[in-house]
Amino acid sequence: MLRLLTILSVLLASPAVAQWSNVAKKEEETGFSWTDPLWPAFWMAWTPATFALFCGIFGAIAVIGLLEGFKYRDGIERKGILGLTTTLGDRLFITLLGTTYIFLAWLGIVGQPLWWPLGLSIVWGVFCFRKV
């Protein structure tokens, strides 16, 4: 019986002892990371990069919506170089779609430094809003 009580007390006391051994350890401070999750328990892995990207996309949609709602009520329809009749929202969609393909092709062919596809995407966006 004494042996059973000794084993039981050791098993019950071990988590408390384990916690006290971690008290003296300090957590290492980490700097800012674009890939660390903002909310670890959330269902989607929102990193600062994905959050900034989605905020940019939804911000662009809001700006286009406000422009078409207040300044250009009839829309700015024009027939561009591709032969399509497009509005501001159409041109934004074509820009975002083309930007996605530029980045995916770059990642598939070249790999990591993503500054060049960013520049190509900006040029593509200017082209879409001026000529498409």
N, C-alpha and C. Protein backbone atom coordinates (compact mmCIF):
# COMPACT_ATOMS: atom_id res chain seq x y z
N MET A 1 0.82 -1.19 0.00
CA MET A 1 0.00 0.00 0.00
C MET A 1 0.87 1.26 0.00
N LEU A 2 1.94 1.22 0.79
CA LEU A 2 2.85 2.36 0.85
C LEU A 2 3.52 2.58 -0.50
N ARG A 3 3.82 1.48 -1.16
CA ARG A 3 4.45 1.59 -2.48
C ARG A 3 3.49 2.25 -3.47
N LEU A 4 2.22 1.90 -3.43
CA LEU A 4 1.20 2.48 -4.31
C LEU A 4 1.03 3.97 -4.04
N LEU A 5 1.03 4.37 -2.78
CA LEU A 5 0.93 5.79 -2.43
C LEU A 5 2.16 6.58 -2.90
N THR A 6 3.32 5.98 -2.83
CA THR A 6 4.55 6.64 -3.29
C THR A 6 4.50 6.86 -4.80
N ILE A 7 4.11 5.84 -5.53
CA ILE A 7 4.02 5.97 -6.99
C ILE A 7 2.95 6.99 -7.37
N LEU A 8 1.82 6.96 -6.69
CA LEU A 8 0.74 7.91 -6.97
C LEU A 8 1.16 9.34 -6.67
N SER A 9 1.87 9.58 -5.58
CA SER A 9 2.31 10.94 -5.25
C SER A 9 3.35 11.44 -6.24
N VAL A 10 4.21 10.55 -6.74
CA VAL A 10 5.21 10.95 -7.74
C VAL A 10 4.51 11.32 -9.05
N LEU A 11 3.52 10.52 -9.44
CA LEU A 11 2.81 10.80 -10.69
C LEU A 11 2.00 12.10 -10.60
N LEU A 12 1.41 12.36 -9.46
CA LEU A 12 0.62 13.58 -9.32
C LEU A 12 1.50 14.82 -9.17
N ALA A 13 2.67 14.67 -8.61
CA ALA A 13 3.54 15.82 -8.38
C ALA A 13 4.39 16.15 -9.60
N SER A 14 4.55 15.24 -10.53
CA SER A 14 5.45 15.49 -11.65
C SER A 14 5.02 16.65 -12.56
N PRO A 15 3.74 16.87 -12.85
CA PRO A 15 3.40 18.05 -13.66
C PRO A 15 3.72 19.36 -12.95
N ALA A 16 3.52 19.40 -11.64
CA ALA A 16 3.84 20.62 -10.91
C ALA A 16 5.34 20.89 -10.92
N VAL A 17 6.14 19.84 -10.77
CA VAL A 17 7.59 19.99 -10.81
C VAL A 17 8.03 20.43 -12.20
N ALA A 18 7.40 19.88 -13.24
CA ALA A 18 7.75 20.26 -14.60
C ALA A 18 7.45 21.73 -14.86
N GLN A 19 6.36 22.24 -14.31
CA GLN A 19 6.04 23.65 -14.48
C GLN A 19 7.05 24.53 -13.77
N TRP A 20 7.50 24.14 -12.58
CA TRP A 20 8.46 24.95 -11.85
C TRP A 20 9.83 24.95 -12.52
N SER A 21 10.14 23.92 -13.27
CA SER A 21 11.43 23.91 -13.95
C SER A 21 11.43 24.88 -15.13
N ASN A 22 10.27 25.24 -15.66
CA ASN A 22 10.18 26.18 -16.79
C ASN A 22 10.05 27.63 -16.34
N VAL A 23 9.93 27.89 -15.05
CA VAL A 23 9.72 29.25 -14.56
C VAL A 23 10.94 30.11 -14.83
N ALA A 24 12.11 29.56 -14.65
CA ALA A 24 13.33 30.35 -14.81
C ALA A 24 13.67 30.61 -16.27
N LYS A 25 13.13 29.83 -17.17
CA LYS A 25 13.43 30.02 -18.59
C LYS A 25 12.64 31.19 -19.13
N LYS A 26 13.32 32.07 -19.82
CA LYS A 26 12.65 33.21 -20.44
C LYS A 26 12.38 32.87 -21.90
N GLU A 27 11.25 33.35 -22.37
CA GLU A 27 10.96 33.15 -23.78
C GLU A 27 11.86 34.04 -24.62
N GLU A 28 12.32 33.48 -25.71
CA GLU A 28 13.14 34.27 -26.61
C GLU A 28 12.25 35.25 -27.35
N GLU A 29 12.68 36.47 -27.38
CA GLU A 29 11.90 37.48 -28.10
C GLU A 29 12.21 37.36 -29.58
N THR A 30 11.16 37.28 -30.36
CA THR A 30 11.34 37.20 -31.80
C THR A 30 10.90 38.51 -32.42
N GLY A 31 11.52 38.86 -33.51
CA GLY A 31 11.16 40.07 -34.21
C GLY A 31 9.96 39.84 -35.10
N PHE A 32 9.67 40.80 -35.94
CA PHE A 32 8.53 40.73 -36.85
C PHE A 32 8.81 39.70 -37.94
N SER A 33 7.82 38.91 -38.27
CA SER A 33 7.94 37.93 -39.34
C SER A 33 6.70 38.00 -40.23
N TRP A 34 6.92 37.99 -41.53
CA TRP A 34 5.81 38.02 -42.48
C TRP A 34 5.10 36.69 -42.55
N THR A 35 5.71 35.63 -42.01
CA THR A 35 5.12 34.30 -42.13
C THR A 35 4.55 33.75 -40.83
N ASP A 36 4.73 34.42 -39.72
CA ASP A 36 4.13 33.97 -38.46
C ASP A 36 2.63 34.28 -38.48
N PRO A 37 1.81 33.36 -37.99
CA PRO A 37 0.36 33.62 -38.01
C PRO A 37 -0.01 34.75 -37.05
N LEU A 38 -0.96 35.57 -37.49
CA LEU A 38 -1.45 36.65 -36.63
C LEU A 38 -2.31 36.10 -35.51
N TRP A 39 -3.18 35.15 -35.83
CA TRP A 39 -4.07 34.53 -34.84
C TRP A 39 -3.86 33.02 -34.95
N PRO A 40 -3.03 32.43 -34.07
CA PRO A 40 -2.68 31.01 -34.23
C PRO A 40 -3.86 30.04 -34.14
N ALA A 41 -4.90 30.36 -33.38
CA ALA A 41 -6.01 29.42 -33.22
C ALA A 41 -7.11 29.61 -34.27
N PHE A 42 -6.92 30.54 -35.20
CA PHE A 42 -7.95 30.84 -36.19
C PHE A 42 -7.96 29.76 -37.26
N TRP A 43 -9.07 29.60 -37.97
CA TRP A 43 -9.21 28.53 -38.96
C TRP A 43 -8.37 28.77 -40.20
N MET A 44 -8.04 30.04 -40.50
CA MET A 44 -7.21 30.32 -41.67
C MET A 44 -5.89 30.91 -41.19
N ALA A 45 -4.83 30.56 -41.87
CA ALA A 45 -3.50 31.02 -41.47
C ALA A 45 -3.29 32.45 -41.97
N TRP A 46 -3.83 33.42 -41.25
CA TRP A 46 -3.66 34.82 -41.62
C TRP A 46 -2.29 35.29 -41.18
N THR A 47 -1.41 35.47 -42.13
CA THR A 47 -0.10 36.05 -41.85
C THR A 47 -0.19 37.54 -42.19
N PRO A 48 0.77 38.34 -41.75
CA PRO A 48 0.72 39.76 -42.14
C PRO A 48 0.72 39.96 -43.66
N ALA A 49 1.40 39.08 -44.39
CA ALA A 49 1.43 39.21 -45.85
C ALA A 49 0.06 38.95 -46.47
N THR A 50 -0.61 37.88 -46.04
CA THR A 50 -1.93 37.60 -46.61
C THR A 50 -2.94 38.65 -46.17
N PHE A 51 -2.82 39.13 -44.96
CA PHE A 51 -3.73 40.17 -44.48
C PHE A 51 -3.55 41.46 -45.30
N ALA A 52 -2.30 41.85 -45.55
CA ALA A 52 -2.05 43.05 -46.36
C ALA A 52 -2.55 42.87 -47.79
N LEU A 53 -2.36 41.68 -48.35
CA LEU A 53 -2.82 41.43 -49.71
C LEU A 53 -4.34 41.53 -49.81
N PHE A 54 -5.06 40.88 -48.89
CA PHE A 54 -6.51 40.93 -48.94
C PHE A 54 -7.04 42.33 -48.64
N CYS A 55 -6.39 43.05 -47.73
CA CYS A 55 -6.80 44.44 -47.47
C CYS A 55 -6.60 45.29 -48.72
N GLY A 56 -5.50 45.07 -49.44
CA GLY A 56 -5.26 45.81 -50.68
C GLY A 56 -6.29 45.50 -51.75
N ILE A 57 -6.63 44.23 -51.90
CA ILE A 57 -7.63 43.85 -52.91
C ILE A 57 -9.00 44.43 -52.56
N PHE A 58 -9.43 44.26 -51.31
CA PHE A 58 -10.74 44.78 -50.92
C PHE A 58 -10.75 46.31 -50.91
N GLY A 59 -9.62 46.93 -50.62
CA GLY A 59 -9.53 48.39 -50.71
C GLY A 59 -9.67 48.87 -52.14
N ALA A 60 -9.03 48.16 -53.07
CA ALA A 60 -9.15 48.52 -54.50
C ALA A 60 -10.59 48.34 -54.98
N ILE A 61 -11.24 47.27 -54.55
CA ILE A 61 -12.64 47.07 -54.92
C ILE A 61 -13.51 48.18 -54.36
N ALA A 62 -13.23 48.61 -53.13
CA ALA A 62 -14.01 49.70 -52.52
C ALA A 62 -13.79 51.01 -53.26
N VAL A 63 -12.55 51.30 -53.64
CA VAL A 63 -12.27 52.55 -54.37
C VAL A 63 -12.97 52.54 -55.73
N ILE A 64 -12.89 51.41 -56.44
CA ILE A 64 -13.56 51.30 -57.74
C ILE A 64 -15.07 51.44 -57.55
N GLY A 65 -15.62 50.83 -56.51
CA GLY A 65 -17.06 50.94 -56.25
C GLY A 65 -17.47 52.37 -55.95
N LEU A 66 -16.67 53.07 -55.15
CA LEU A 66 -16.99 54.47 -54.85
C LEU A 66 -16.86 55.35 -56.09
N LEU A 67 -15.84 55.11 -56.91
CA LEU A 67 -15.68 55.89 -58.14
C LEU A 67 -16.86 55.67 -59.09
N GLU A 68 -17.26 54.42 -59.25
CA GLU A 68 -18.38 54.15 -60.15
C GLU A 68 -19.71 54.55 -59.53
N GLY A 69 -19.78 54.62 -58.21
CA GLY A 69 -21.03 55.00 -57.55
C GLY A 69 -21.26 56.50 -57.51
N PHE A 70 -20.20 57.27 -57.37
CA PHE A 70 -20.38 58.72 -57.20
C PHE A 70 -19.85 59.54 -58.37
N LYS A 71 -18.64 59.25 -58.83
CA LYS A 71 -18.04 60.11 -59.85
C LYS A 71 -18.47 59.72 -61.27
N TYR A 72 -18.41 58.44 -61.55
CA TYR A 72 -18.75 57.96 -62.89
C TYR A 72 -19.99 57.09 -62.79
N ARG A 73 -21.16 57.70 -62.68
CA ARG A 73 -22.40 56.94 -62.45
C ARG A 73 -22.76 56.03 -63.62
N ASP A 74 -22.48 56.46 -64.83
CA ASP A 74 -22.79 55.64 -65.98
C ASP A 74 -21.70 54.62 -66.27
N GLY A 75 -20.61 54.70 -65.54
CA GLY A 75 -19.47 53.83 -65.80
C GLY A 75 -18.63 54.39 -66.93
N ILE A 76 -17.40 54.00 -66.93
CA ILE A 76 -16.52 54.43 -68.01
C ILE A 76 -16.32 53.21 -68.91
N GLU A 77 -17.24 53.02 -69.82
CA GLU A 77 -17.11 51.90 -70.74
C GLU A 77 -16.28 52.34 -71.92
N ARG A 78 -15.36 51.48 -72.31
CA ARG A 78 -14.60 51.75 -73.51
C ARG A 78 -14.13 50.44 -74.12
N LYS A 79 -13.92 50.52 -75.42
CA LYS A 79 -13.43 49.35 -76.14
C LYS A 79 -11.93 49.52 -76.27
N GLY A 80 -11.20 48.61 -75.67
CA GLY A 80 -9.75 48.74 -75.62
C GLY A 80 -9.03 47.91 -76.65
N ILE A 81 -7.76 47.73 -76.40
CA ILE A 81 -6.87 47.06 -77.33
C ILE A 81 -7.20 45.58 -77.50
N LEU A 82 -7.80 44.97 -76.48
CA LEU A 82 -8.17 43.55 -76.56
C LEU A 82 -9.51 43.34 -77.26
N GLY A 83 -10.20 44.41 -77.60
CA GLY A 83 -11.48 44.30 -78.28
C GLY A 83 -12.65 44.07 -77.35
N LEU A 84 -12.42 44.25 -76.05
CA LEU A 84 -13.48 44.07 -75.05
C LEU A 84 -14.03 45.43 -74.65
N THR A 85 -15.32 45.49 -74.38
CA THR A 85 -15.90 46.68 -73.78
C THR A 85 -15.84 46.49 -72.27
N THR A 86 -15.07 47.35 -71.59
CA THR A 86 -14.83 47.14 -70.17
C THR A 86 -15.17 48.39 -69.36
N THR A 87 -15.48 48.17 -68.08
CA THR A 87 -15.66 49.25 -67.12
C THR A 87 -14.47 49.23 -66.17
N LEU A 88 -14.49 50.11 -65.17
CA LEU A 88 -13.39 50.14 -64.20
C LEU A 88 -13.27 48.82 -63.45
N GLY A 89 -14.39 48.24 -63.05
CA GLY A 89 -14.36 46.97 -62.34
C GLY A 89 -13.83 45.83 -63.19
N ASP A 90 -14.18 45.84 -64.47
CA ASP A 90 -13.66 44.82 -65.39
C ASP A 90 -12.15 44.94 -65.52
N ARG A 91 -11.67 46.17 -65.64
CA ARG A 91 -10.23 46.38 -65.78
C ARG A 91 -9.48 45.99 -64.50
N LEU A 92 -10.10 46.25 -63.34
CA LEU A 92 -9.49 45.80 -62.08
C LEU A 92 -9.42 44.28 -62.03
N PHE A 93 -10.49 43.61 -62.44
CA PHE A 93 -10.50 42.15 -62.44
C PHE A 93 -9.44 41.59 -63.39
N ILE A 94 -9.32 42.15 -64.58
CA ILE A 94 -8.31 41.70 -65.54
C ILE A 94 -6.91 41.94 -64.98
N THR A 95 -6.72 43.07 -64.31
CA THR A 95 -5.44 43.36 -63.69
C THR A 95 -5.09 42.34 -62.62
N LEU A 96 -6.04 42.06 -61.72
CA LEU A 96 -5.78 41.10 -60.65
C LEU A 96 -5.55 39.69 -61.19
N LEU A 97 -6.31 39.31 -62.20
CA LEU A 97 -6.13 37.99 -62.80
C LEU A 97 -4.76 37.88 -63.47
N GLY A 98 -4.38 38.89 -64.23
CA GLY A 98 -3.07 38.88 -64.88
C GLY A 98 -1.93 38.90 -63.87
N THR A 99 -2.10 39.65 -62.79
CA THR A 99 -1.08 39.70 -61.75
C THR A 99 -0.89 38.32 -61.12
N THR A 100 -1.98 37.61 -60.90
CA THR A 100 -1.89 36.27 -60.34
C THR A 100 -1.10 35.35 -61.27
N TYR A 101 -1.39 35.41 -62.56
CA TYR A 101 -0.67 34.57 -63.51
C TYR A 101 0.80 34.96 -63.61
N ILE A 102 1.10 36.24 -63.53
CA ILE A 102 2.50 36.69 -63.57
C ILE A 102 3.27 36.11 -62.39
N PHE A 103 2.70 36.21 -61.19
CA PHE A 103 3.38 35.70 -60.01
C PHE A 103 3.50 34.18 -60.03
N LEU A 104 2.45 33.47 -60.44
CA LEU A 104 2.52 32.02 -60.49
C LEU A 104 3.54 31.54 -61.51
N ALA A 105 3.57 32.18 -62.67
CA ALA A 105 4.55 31.81 -63.70
C ALA A 105 5.96 32.09 -63.20
N TRP A 106 6.15 33.23 -62.55
CA TRP A 106 7.48 33.58 -62.04
C TRP A 106 7.94 32.57 -60.99
N LEU A 107 7.04 32.22 -60.07
CA LEU A 107 7.41 31.25 -59.04
C LEU A 107 7.70 29.88 -59.63
N GLY A 108 6.96 29.50 -60.67
CA GLY A 108 7.18 28.21 -61.30
C GLY A 108 8.45 28.14 -62.12
N ILE A 109 8.83 29.24 -62.76
CA ILE A 109 9.99 29.23 -63.65
C ILE A 109 11.26 29.68 -62.94
N VAL A 110 11.20 30.81 -62.22
CA VAL A 110 12.41 31.40 -61.65
C VAL A 110 12.56 31.05 -60.18
N GLY A 111 11.51 31.28 -59.39
CA GLY A 111 11.63 31.03 -57.95
C GLY A 111 11.52 32.32 -57.15
N GLN A 112 12.39 32.44 -56.16
CA GLN A 112 12.15 33.38 -55.10
C GLN A 112 12.26 34.86 -55.36
N PRO A 113 13.23 35.56 -55.68
CA PRO A 113 13.03 37.00 -55.47
C PRO A 113 11.82 37.48 -56.26
N LEU A 114 10.86 38.05 -55.55
CA LEU A 114 9.58 38.41 -56.15
C LEU A 114 9.47 39.89 -56.49
N TRP A 115 10.58 40.60 -56.53
CA TRP A 115 10.53 42.03 -56.87
C TRP A 115 10.28 42.23 -58.35
N TRP A 116 10.84 41.38 -59.21
CA TRP A 116 10.62 41.52 -60.65
C TRP A 116 9.16 41.27 -61.04
N PRO A 117 8.53 40.22 -60.55
CA PRO A 117 7.11 40.07 -60.92
C PRO A 117 6.24 41.18 -60.34
N LEU A 118 6.65 41.75 -59.21
CA LEU A 118 5.90 42.90 -58.68
C LEU A 118 5.97 44.07 -59.66
N GLY A 119 7.16 44.34 -60.18
CA GLY A 119 7.30 45.40 -61.18
C GLY A 119 6.52 45.10 -62.44
N LEU A 120 6.59 43.84 -62.90
CA LEU A 120 5.82 43.46 -64.09
C LEU A 120 4.32 43.61 -63.85
N SER A 121 3.88 43.29 -62.65
CA SER A 121 2.45 43.40 -62.33
C SER A 121 2.00 44.85 -62.29
N ILE A 122 2.84 45.73 -61.80
CA ILE A 122 2.50 47.16 -61.80
C ILE A 122 2.40 47.68 -63.23
N VAL A 123 3.35 47.28 -64.07
CA VAL A 123 3.30 47.67 -65.49
C VAL A 123 2.04 47.10 -66.14
N TRP A 124 1.71 45.84 -65.82
CA TRP A 124 0.49 45.22 -66.35
C TRP A 124 -0.75 45.98 -65.90
N GLY A 125 -0.79 46.42 -64.64
CA GLY A 125 -1.94 47.16 -64.13
C GLY A 125 -2.10 48.51 -64.83
N VAL A 126 -1.00 49.21 -65.03
CA VAL A 126 -1.05 50.50 -65.73
C VAL A 126 -1.53 50.27 -67.17
N PHE A 127 -1.00 49.22 -67.81
CA PHE A 127 -1.44 48.91 -69.17
C PHE A 127 -2.94 48.61 -69.23
N CYS A 128 -3.43 47.82 -68.26
CA CYS A 128 -4.85 47.46 -68.26
C CYS A 128 -5.75 48.68 -68.08
N PHE A 129 -5.38 49.57 -67.17
CA PHE A 129 -6.24 50.71 -66.92
C PHE A 129 -6.12 51.79 -68.00
N ARG A 130 -5.06 51.78 -68.77
CA ARG A 130 -4.91 52.78 -69.83
C ARG A 130 -5.40 52.28 -71.19
N LYS A 131 -5.14 51.00 -71.50
CA LYS A 131 -5.36 50.52 -72.86
C LYS A 131 -6.46 49.46 -73.01
N VAL A 132 -6.83 48.78 -71.94
CA VAL A 132 -7.82 47.69 -72.09
C VAL A 132 -9.21 48.26 -71.94
